[in-house]
Amino acid sequence: MLYEYKDLQSRAANGENQRGEKGQGGMARGGRKGCPSISPMRAGKTYTLLDAQGSGMVRHIWCTFPPGDPRILRNLILRMYWDGQAQPSVEVPLGDFFGLPHGAARDLQSEYVQVNGGTAYNCWIPMPFRTGARITVENDAGCDIRHLFYQVDYTLGDAIPENACYFHAQFRRQNPCPMHEDYEILRTSGRGVYLGTVLGVRSLYTESWWGEGEMKFYLDGDKDYPTICGTGTEDYIGFAWGMTERCTPQAGCPLCDDERGRYAIYRFHGRDPIYFAKELRLTVQQIGCGSRTAAKAAFGKDADIYSAWGEKEDAETCYYERSDDYCSTAYWYQTLPSPAFPELPDRAARSADL
């Protein structure tokens, strides 16, 4: 319970107390607010935000930086390492980690990540560690950044349960996606719990709806067909018959730009976690719904047109295969050691067509 005393040490790491040491906060300028930021962030340099030893729990992360530049949101790379593992368990562009793909700053209010005023980034995902935690951020924007203000709130001395897994997050992008291939959000092995998805879609064909693709969770040996399969992309985040801009604690859509074909959606599984004992693969189909005539003109035979929701086979409204620009961030917990991540897309690939 929140009101129960626990024998823990509360700590916070920031630009003035990078190691979160006891009694060492706010010392610059004799305690009169000195320089609580990394200023400047040099291009190409990696900075350590947290380096904690022992057992503990990261409980909250906050940061902000000069607004208005999509290169910063997509090219500050956040990484997290648990218990001395050499490879990161988290490797995600900063904006995408906080739920905002496309380098587009928006308000976002959820139970786990929040963006206030499009400028203040918060994460309340609990992140346990047993022997140590290290969090870094790399400036791969190709330019110096004036400031990065941040605070990592954590505790030391937590008794981590034996069955507790470690927090992971991974970014991917395909621009454009191949026709007839489901976009892969995650593939991992180990034992764990899936927490949530951020999906960014840039529709390359805006004449009709892109989001009929089903989300598929392949669990523990599933091959051709998944154990969990949804009914459509907007259905996965709790919408139906399209989307509007709306944020809720577990799911939402902070960006719905029909004119430019840009969409940002998120779905957390805090109330309906997905467990895997050996392996997990998560994909989403690229299937649209709209005019048969228009789809045929746009994609030809590759459209693979078929009847939509029980319509006659020659009805004008149809389902069809398509190709769009997809990016994603997957959040999950799993045992260590975790498999090596796919290579992070380089700056050009991450930044194209923002």
Protein backbone atom coordinates (compact mmCIF):
# COMPACT_ATOMS: atom_id res chain seq x y z
CA MET A 1 0.00 0.00 0.00
CA LEU A 2 1.15 3.55 -0.72
CA TYR A 3 0.87 4.56 2.96
CA GLU A 4 2.96 1.62 4.27
CA TYR A 5 6.51 2.46 5.29
CA LYS A 6 9.14 0.39 3.49
CA ASP A 7 12.81 0.19 4.36
CA LEU A 8 13.92 1.69 1.02
CA GLN A 9 16.22 4.52 0.01
CA SER A 10 14.63 7.12 -2.28
CA ARG A 11 16.98 8.64 -4.82
CA ALA A 12 16.90 10.93 -7.87
CA ALA A 13 19.51 11.39 -10.59
CA ASN A 14 19.66 14.61 -12.63
CA GLY A 15 22.13 16.99 -14.24
CA GLU A 16 23.38 18.27 -10.87
CA ASN A 17 23.48 14.91 -9.05
CA GLN A 18 24.17 12.39 -11.77
CA ARG A 19 24.83 9.50 -9.35
CA GLY A 20 21.79 10.24 -7.19
CA GLU A 21 23.94 10.46 -4.09
CA LYS A 22 22.43 11.13 -0.66
CA GLY A 23 22.59 14.76 0.41
CA GLN A 24 24.22 15.84 -2.86
CA GLY A 25 21.24 17.36 -4.71
CA GLY A 26 21.05 21.02 -5.81
CA MET A 27 24.60 21.91 -4.75
CA ALA A 28 25.44 24.13 -7.74
CA ARG A 29 25.59 27.87 -6.89
CA GLY A 30 25.24 27.08 -3.23
CA GLY A 31 21.78 25.57 -3.60
CA ARG A 32 20.28 28.48 -5.60
CA LYS A 33 19.44 26.51 -8.80
CA GLY A 34 22.58 26.20 -10.81
CA CYS A 35 22.55 24.07 -13.96
CA PRO A 36 20.18 21.08 -13.60
CA SER A 37 20.69 19.95 -17.20
CA ILE A 38 23.15 18.60 -19.72
CA SER A 39 24.15 21.78 -21.52
CA PRO A 40 24.97 21.52 -24.34
CA MET A 41 24.45 18.00 -25.62
CA ARG A 42 27.21 17.55 -28.16
CA ALA A 43 26.44 15.81 -31.46
CA GLY A 44 27.56 12.18 -31.48
CA LYS A 45 28.12 11.97 -27.73
CA THR A 46 26.47 9.53 -25.28
CA TYR A 47 25.53 10.72 -21.79
CA THR A 48 24.84 8.64 -18.69
CA LEU A 49 21.60 9.58 -16.93
CA LEU A 50 21.69 6.88 -14.26
CA ASP A 51 24.34 4.53 -12.91
CA ALA A 52 22.95 2.77 -9.83
CA GLN A 53 24.45 -0.19 -7.99
CA GLY A 54 22.62 -2.80 -5.94
CA SER A 55 18.98 -3.83 -6.09
CA GLY A 56 16.29 -1.28 -6.78
CA MET A 57 13.49 0.03 -8.93
CA VAL A 58 13.32 2.86 -11.45
CA ARG A 59 9.95 4.42 -10.72
CA HIS A 60 9.67 7.59 -12.81
CA ILE A 61 11.57 9.30 -15.63
CA TRP A 62 11.00 12.93 -16.67
CA CYS A 63 12.80 14.95 -19.31
CA THR A 64 12.48 17.96 -21.59
CA PHE A 65 14.53 19.61 -24.32
CA PRO A 66 14.10 22.52 -26.78
CA PRO A 67 10.81 21.91 -28.64
CA GLY A 68 9.98 22.15 -32.32
CA ASP A 69 12.60 19.95 -34.00
CA PRO A 70 11.49 16.43 -35.08
CA ARG A 71 15.14 15.42 -35.48
CA ILE A 72 15.53 15.59 -31.69
CA LEU A 73 12.48 13.43 -30.96
CA ARG A 74 13.58 10.75 -33.42
CA ASN A 75 17.36 10.89 -32.93
CA LEU A 76 18.02 11.12 -29.22
CA ILE A 77 18.47 7.41 -28.51
CA LEU A 78 17.51 6.13 -25.07
CA ARG A 79 19.18 2.92 -23.86
CA MET A 80 18.84 0.97 -20.61
CA TYR A 81 21.03 -1.81 -19.24
CA TRP A 82 20.14 -4.08 -16.32
CA ASP A 83 22.43 -6.08 -14.03
CA GLY A 84 25.54 -5.55 -16.15
CA GLN A 85 24.21 -7.00 -19.42
CA ALA A 86 26.43 -5.61 -22.18
CA GLN A 87 23.66 -5.17 -24.72
CA PRO A 88 20.77 -2.82 -23.97
CA SER A 89 17.34 -4.02 -22.91
CA VAL A 90 15.90 -0.70 -24.13
CA GLU A 91 16.93 0.98 -27.38
CA VAL A 92 14.36 3.50 -28.60
CA PRO A 93 14.33 7.08 -29.94
CA LEU A 94 13.25 9.37 -27.13
CA GLY A 95 10.03 10.61 -28.73
CA ASP A 96 8.90 7.09 -29.64
CA PHE A 97 9.69 5.81 -26.13
CA PHE A 98 7.24 8.35 -24.71
CA GLY A 99 4.54 7.34 -27.20
CA LEU A 100 5.10 9.87 -29.99
CA PRO A 101 6.24 8.54 -33.39
CA HIS A 102 6.85 10.68 -36.52
CA GLY A 103 8.90 13.19 -34.51
CA ALA A 104 5.57 14.91 -33.81
CA ALA A 105 5.11 16.54 -30.41
CA ARG A 106 1.59 16.06 -28.99
CA ASP A 107 -0.17 15.80 -25.66
CA LEU A 108 -0.48 12.20 -24.48
CA GLN A 109 -2.08 11.00 -21.26
CA SER A 110 -1.83 7.32 -20.35
CA GLU A 111 -1.17 5.31 -17.22
CA TYR A 112 2.43 4.57 -18.19
CA VAL A 113 3.71 7.41 -20.38
CA GLN A 114 2.59 11.03 -20.49
CA VAL A 115 3.52 14.08 -22.54
CA ASN A 116 2.27 17.36 -21.10
CA GLY A 117 1.98 20.38 -23.38
CA GLY A 118 3.96 18.53 -26.05
CA THR A 119 7.16 19.36 -24.16
CA ALA A 120 7.32 17.47 -20.82
CA TYR A 121 7.95 13.72 -21.13
CA ASN A 122 7.09 11.32 -18.29
CA CYS A 123 7.29 7.55 -17.82
CA TRP A 124 5.86 5.64 -14.82
CA ILE A 125 6.68 2.10 -15.96
CA PRO A 126 8.29 0.23 -13.01
CA MET A 127 11.73 -1.12 -13.88
CA PRO A 128 13.29 -3.50 -11.33
CA PHE A 129 16.96 -4.41 -11.17
CA ARG A 130 18.90 -6.76 -8.91
CA THR A 131 22.55 -5.69 -9.11
CA GLY A 132 22.60 -2.47 -11.10
CA ALA A 133 20.94 -0.14 -13.61
CA ARG A 134 22.45 2.10 -16.26
CA ILE A 135 20.49 4.53 -18.46
CA THR A 136 22.12 6.50 -21.28
CA VAL A 137 21.02 8.86 -24.05
CA GLU A 138 22.94 9.34 -27.30
CA ASN A 139 22.68 12.53 -29.33
CA ASP A 140 22.50 11.19 -32.89
CA ALA A 141 20.58 14.20 -34.24
CA GLY A 142 23.59 15.45 -36.23
CA CYS A 143 23.65 18.75 -34.32
CA ASP A 144 24.34 20.04 -30.84
CA ILE A 145 21.29 20.41 -28.59
CA ARG A 146 21.21 23.31 -26.14
CA HIS A 147 19.78 21.49 -23.14
CA LEU A 148 18.51 18.18 -21.85
CA PHE A 149 16.78 18.54 -18.49
CA TYR A 150 15.99 15.21 -16.83
CA GLN A 151 15.25 13.42 -13.58
CA VAL A 152 15.27 9.67 -12.88
CA ASP A 153 13.45 8.79 -9.65
CA TYR A 154 14.32 5.40 -8.17
CA THR A 155 14.64 3.43 -4.97
CA LEU A 156 17.44 1.25 -3.65
CA GLY A 157 17.07 -1.78 -1.42
CA ASP A 158 13.99 -3.25 -3.08
CA ALA A 159 13.52 -6.98 -2.54
CA ILE A 160 13.00 -8.08 -6.14
CA PRO A 161 10.83 -11.22 -6.33
CA GLU A 162 12.42 -14.30 -7.87
CA ASN A 163 9.84 -14.34 -10.69
CA ALA A 164 10.28 -10.64 -11.55
CA CYS A 165 11.37 -9.96 -15.13
CA TYR A 166 13.28 -7.01 -16.58
CA PHE A 167 11.81 -4.13 -18.55
CA HIS A 168 12.54 -4.04 -22.31
CA ALA A 169 11.60 -1.71 -25.15
CA GLN A 170 12.53 -1.88 -28.83
CA PHE A 171 12.04 0.39 -31.85
CA ARG A 172 11.57 -0.76 -35.45
CA ARG A 173 10.69 0.87 -38.76
CA GLN A 174 9.98 -0.23 -42.35
CA ASN A 175 9.53 2.52 -44.92
CA PRO A 176 7.81 1.31 -46.98
CA CYS A 177 6.72 -2.14 -45.84
CA PRO A 178 6.79 -4.96 -48.42
CA MET A 179 3.43 -5.96 -49.87
CA HIS A 180 1.90 -9.21 -48.53
CA GLU A 181 4.19 -9.27 -45.47
CA ASP A 182 2.95 -8.62 -41.96
CA TYR A 183 4.93 -5.89 -40.22
CA GLU A 184 6.88 -7.43 -37.33
CA ILE A 185 6.72 -5.41 -34.11
CA LEU A 186 8.65 -7.85 -31.92
CA ARG A 187 10.33 -11.25 -31.90
CA THR A 188 11.97 -12.43 -28.68
CA SER A 189 12.70 -15.56 -26.68
CA GLY A 190 12.66 -16.14 -22.95
CA ARG A 191 9.96 -15.94 -20.30
CA GLY A 192 8.02 -12.77 -19.83
CA VAL A 193 5.01 -10.48 -20.01
CA TYR A 194 4.02 -8.22 -22.90
CA LEU A 195 3.14 -4.69 -21.72
CA GLY A 196 2.27 -2.54 -24.72
CA THR A 197 2.66 -1.16 -28.23
CA VAL A 198 3.18 2.25 -29.80
CA LEU A 199 2.50 2.22 -33.54
CA GLY A 200 3.20 5.01 -36.00
CA VAL A 201 1.69 4.74 -39.49
CA ARG A 202 2.32 7.05 -42.42
CA SER A 203 -0.33 6.12 -44.96
CA LEU A 204 1.15 6.15 -48.46
CA TYR A 205 -2.29 5.79 -50.02
CA THR A 206 -4.70 8.20 -48.34
CA GLU A 207 -7.77 7.62 -50.52
CA SER A 208 -9.13 4.96 -48.16
CA TRP A 209 -8.74 3.43 -44.72
CA TRP A 210 -5.45 1.70 -43.90
CA GLY A 211 -6.22 0.12 -40.52
CA GLU A 212 -7.95 -3.23 -41.14
CA GLY A 213 -4.82 -5.24 -40.34
CA GLU A 214 -5.10 -7.72 -37.46
CA MET A 215 -2.64 -7.74 -34.56
CA LYS A 216 -1.25 -11.26 -34.13
CA PHE A 217 0.47 -12.64 -31.01
CA TYR A 218 2.38 -15.87 -31.74
CA LEU A 219 3.08 -17.54 -28.40
CA ASP A 220 5.39 -20.41 -27.38
CA GLY A 221 5.72 -22.44 -30.58
CA ASP A 222 2.92 -21.00 -32.72
CA LYS A 223 3.90 -21.34 -36.37
CA ASP A 224 1.48 -20.51 -39.18
CA TYR A 225 -1.28 -19.11 -37.00
CA PRO A 226 -1.23 -17.13 -33.73
CA THR A 227 -2.91 -17.85 -30.43
CA ILE A 228 -4.21 -14.27 -30.12
CA CYS A 229 -5.53 -12.50 -33.21
CA GLY A 230 -7.54 -9.27 -33.17
CA THR A 231 -10.12 -7.89 -35.59
CA GLY A 232 -8.35 -4.76 -36.83
CA THR A 233 -5.73 -2.18 -35.92
CA GLU A 234 -8.10 0.46 -34.57
CA ASP A 235 -9.99 -2.29 -32.72
CA TYR A 236 -6.75 -3.26 -30.94
CA ILE A 237 -6.60 0.18 -29.31
CA GLY A 238 -10.26 0.17 -28.35
CA PHE A 239 -11.66 2.20 -31.26
CA ALA A 240 -14.04 1.10 -34.03
CA TRP A 241 -14.98 2.36 -37.50
CA GLY A 242 -11.84 4.49 -37.66
CA MET A 243 -10.16 6.71 -35.07
CA THR A 244 -10.21 10.18 -33.57
CA GLU A 245 -7.67 11.90 -31.37
CA ARG A 246 -8.30 10.67 -27.84
CA CYS A 247 -6.08 9.44 -25.00
CA THR A 248 -7.15 7.10 -22.20
CA PRO A 249 -5.13 5.32 -19.47
CA GLN A 250 -4.67 2.07 -21.42
CA ALA A 251 -5.04 3.02 -25.10
CA GLY A 252 -5.43 5.97 -27.42
CA CYS A 253 -4.58 8.00 -30.49
CA PRO A 254 -2.63 11.22 -29.82
CA LEU A 255 -2.25 11.94 -33.56
CA CYS A 256 -4.89 11.36 -36.24
CA ASP A 257 -3.90 13.44 -39.29
CA ASP A 258 -6.13 12.18 -42.11
CA GLU A 259 -5.01 14.92 -44.48
CA ARG A 260 -1.32 13.99 -44.31
CA GLY A 261 -1.95 10.32 -43.52
CA ARG A 262 -0.08 10.29 -40.20
CA TYR A 263 -1.32 8.30 -37.21
CA ALA A 264 0.08 7.59 -33.74
CA ILE A 265 -1.61 4.97 -31.55
CA TYR A 266 -0.78 3.20 -28.30
CA ARG A 267 -2.15 0.23 -26.40
CA PHE A 268 -1.02 -0.94 -22.96
CA HIS A 269 -1.86 -4.35 -21.48
CA GLY A 270 -1.68 -3.37 -17.82
CA ARG A 271 -5.18 -4.79 -17.28
CA ASP A 272 -4.85 -7.71 -19.72
CA PRO A 273 -1.16 -8.75 -19.75
CA ILE A 274 0.02 -11.30 -22.29
CA TYR A 275 2.28 -14.01 -20.85
CA PHE A 276 4.81 -16.11 -22.74
CA ALA A 277 6.90 -18.97 -21.38
CA LYS A 278 9.41 -19.49 -24.22
CA GLU A 279 8.95 -16.99 -27.05
CA LEU A 280 6.80 -14.22 -28.44
CA ARG A 281 6.31 -12.81 -31.93
CA LEU A 282 3.96 -9.87 -32.59
CA THR A 283 2.92 -8.71 -36.07
CA VAL A 284 0.31 -6.49 -37.71
CA GLN A 285 -1.14 -6.95 -41.18
CA GLN A 286 -1.23 -4.20 -43.81
CA ILE A 287 -4.79 -4.44 -45.04
CA GLY A 288 -7.00 -1.58 -46.19
CA CYS A 289 -10.70 -1.16 -46.81
CA GLY A 290 -12.25 1.00 -49.51
CA SER A 291 -13.10 1.29 -53.18
CA ARG A 292 -12.39 -1.78 -55.29
CA THR A 293 -11.83 0.43 -58.34
CA ALA A 294 -9.39 2.73 -56.54
CA ALA A 295 -7.43 -0.11 -54.92
CA LYS A 296 -7.07 -1.87 -58.26
CA ALA A 297 -5.84 1.35 -59.88
CA ALA A 298 -3.30 1.95 -57.09
CA PHE A 299 -1.91 -1.57 -56.57
CA GLY A 300 -2.99 -3.64 -59.56
CA LYS A 301 -2.80 -7.40 -59.07
CA ASP A 302 -0.79 -6.91 -55.87
CA ALA A 303 -3.92 -5.56 -54.16
CA ASP A 304 -5.25 -9.15 -53.87
CA ILE A 305 -8.77 -7.77 -53.50
CA TYR A 306 -11.42 -9.75 -51.63
CA SER A 307 -14.87 -9.28 -50.11
CA ALA A 308 -15.21 -7.13 -46.99
CA TRP A 309 -17.33 -8.21 -43.96
CA GLY A 310 -19.67 -10.49 -45.90
CA GLU A 311 -20.30 -8.22 -48.90
CA LYS A 312 -20.87 -9.79 -52.29
CA GLU A 313 -17.67 -10.87 -54.00
CA ASP A 314 -17.99 -8.13 -56.62
CA ALA A 315 -19.08 -5.36 -54.22
CA GLU A 316 -17.33 -2.01 -54.61
CA THR A 317 -16.34 -1.96 -50.91
CA CYS A 318 -13.49 -4.41 -50.42
CA TYR A 319 -10.46 -5.43 -48.39
CA TYR A 320 -7.10 -5.24 -50.13
CA GLU A 321 -3.37 -5.61 -49.49
CA ARG A 322 -1.34 -2.40 -49.32
CA SER A 323 2.06 -0.98 -48.38
CA ASP A 324 2.65 1.85 -45.89
CA ASP A 325 5.37 3.30 -43.67
CA TYR A 326 5.23 1.65 -40.23
CA CYS A 327 7.28 2.25 -37.09
CA SER A 328 6.75 0.77 -33.65
CA THR A 329 7.92 0.61 -30.07
CA ALA A 330 7.23 -2.58 -28.12
CA TYR A 331 7.31 -2.63 -24.30
CA TRP A 332 7.66 -5.89 -22.40
CA TYR A 333 9.25 -7.64 -19.43
CA GLN A 334 11.41 -10.73 -19.76
CA THR A 335 14.22 -12.76 -18.23
CA LEU A 336 17.90 -12.07 -18.84
CA PRO A 337 19.95 -12.62 -20.86
CA SER A 338 17.70 -11.26 -23.58
CA PRO A 339 18.36 -11.91 -27.28
CA ALA A 340 20.32 -9.30 -29.20
CA PHE A 341 18.09 -6.68 -30.82
CA PRO A 342 17.98 -6.17 -34.59
CA GLU A 343 20.28 -3.34 -35.66
CA LEU A 344 18.70 0.03 -34.94
CA PRO A 345 17.82 1.86 -38.18
CA ASP A 346 20.42 4.54 -38.87
CA ARG A 347 19.68 8.26 -38.67
CA ALA A 348 18.75 8.56 -42.34
CA ALA A 349 16.31 5.67 -42.13
CA ARG A 350 14.83 6.86 -38.83
CA SER A 351 14.43 10.45 -40.04
CA ALA A 352 13.19 9.93 -43.60
CA ASP A 353 9.80 11.48 -44.38
CA LEU A 354 9.15 12.84 -40.89
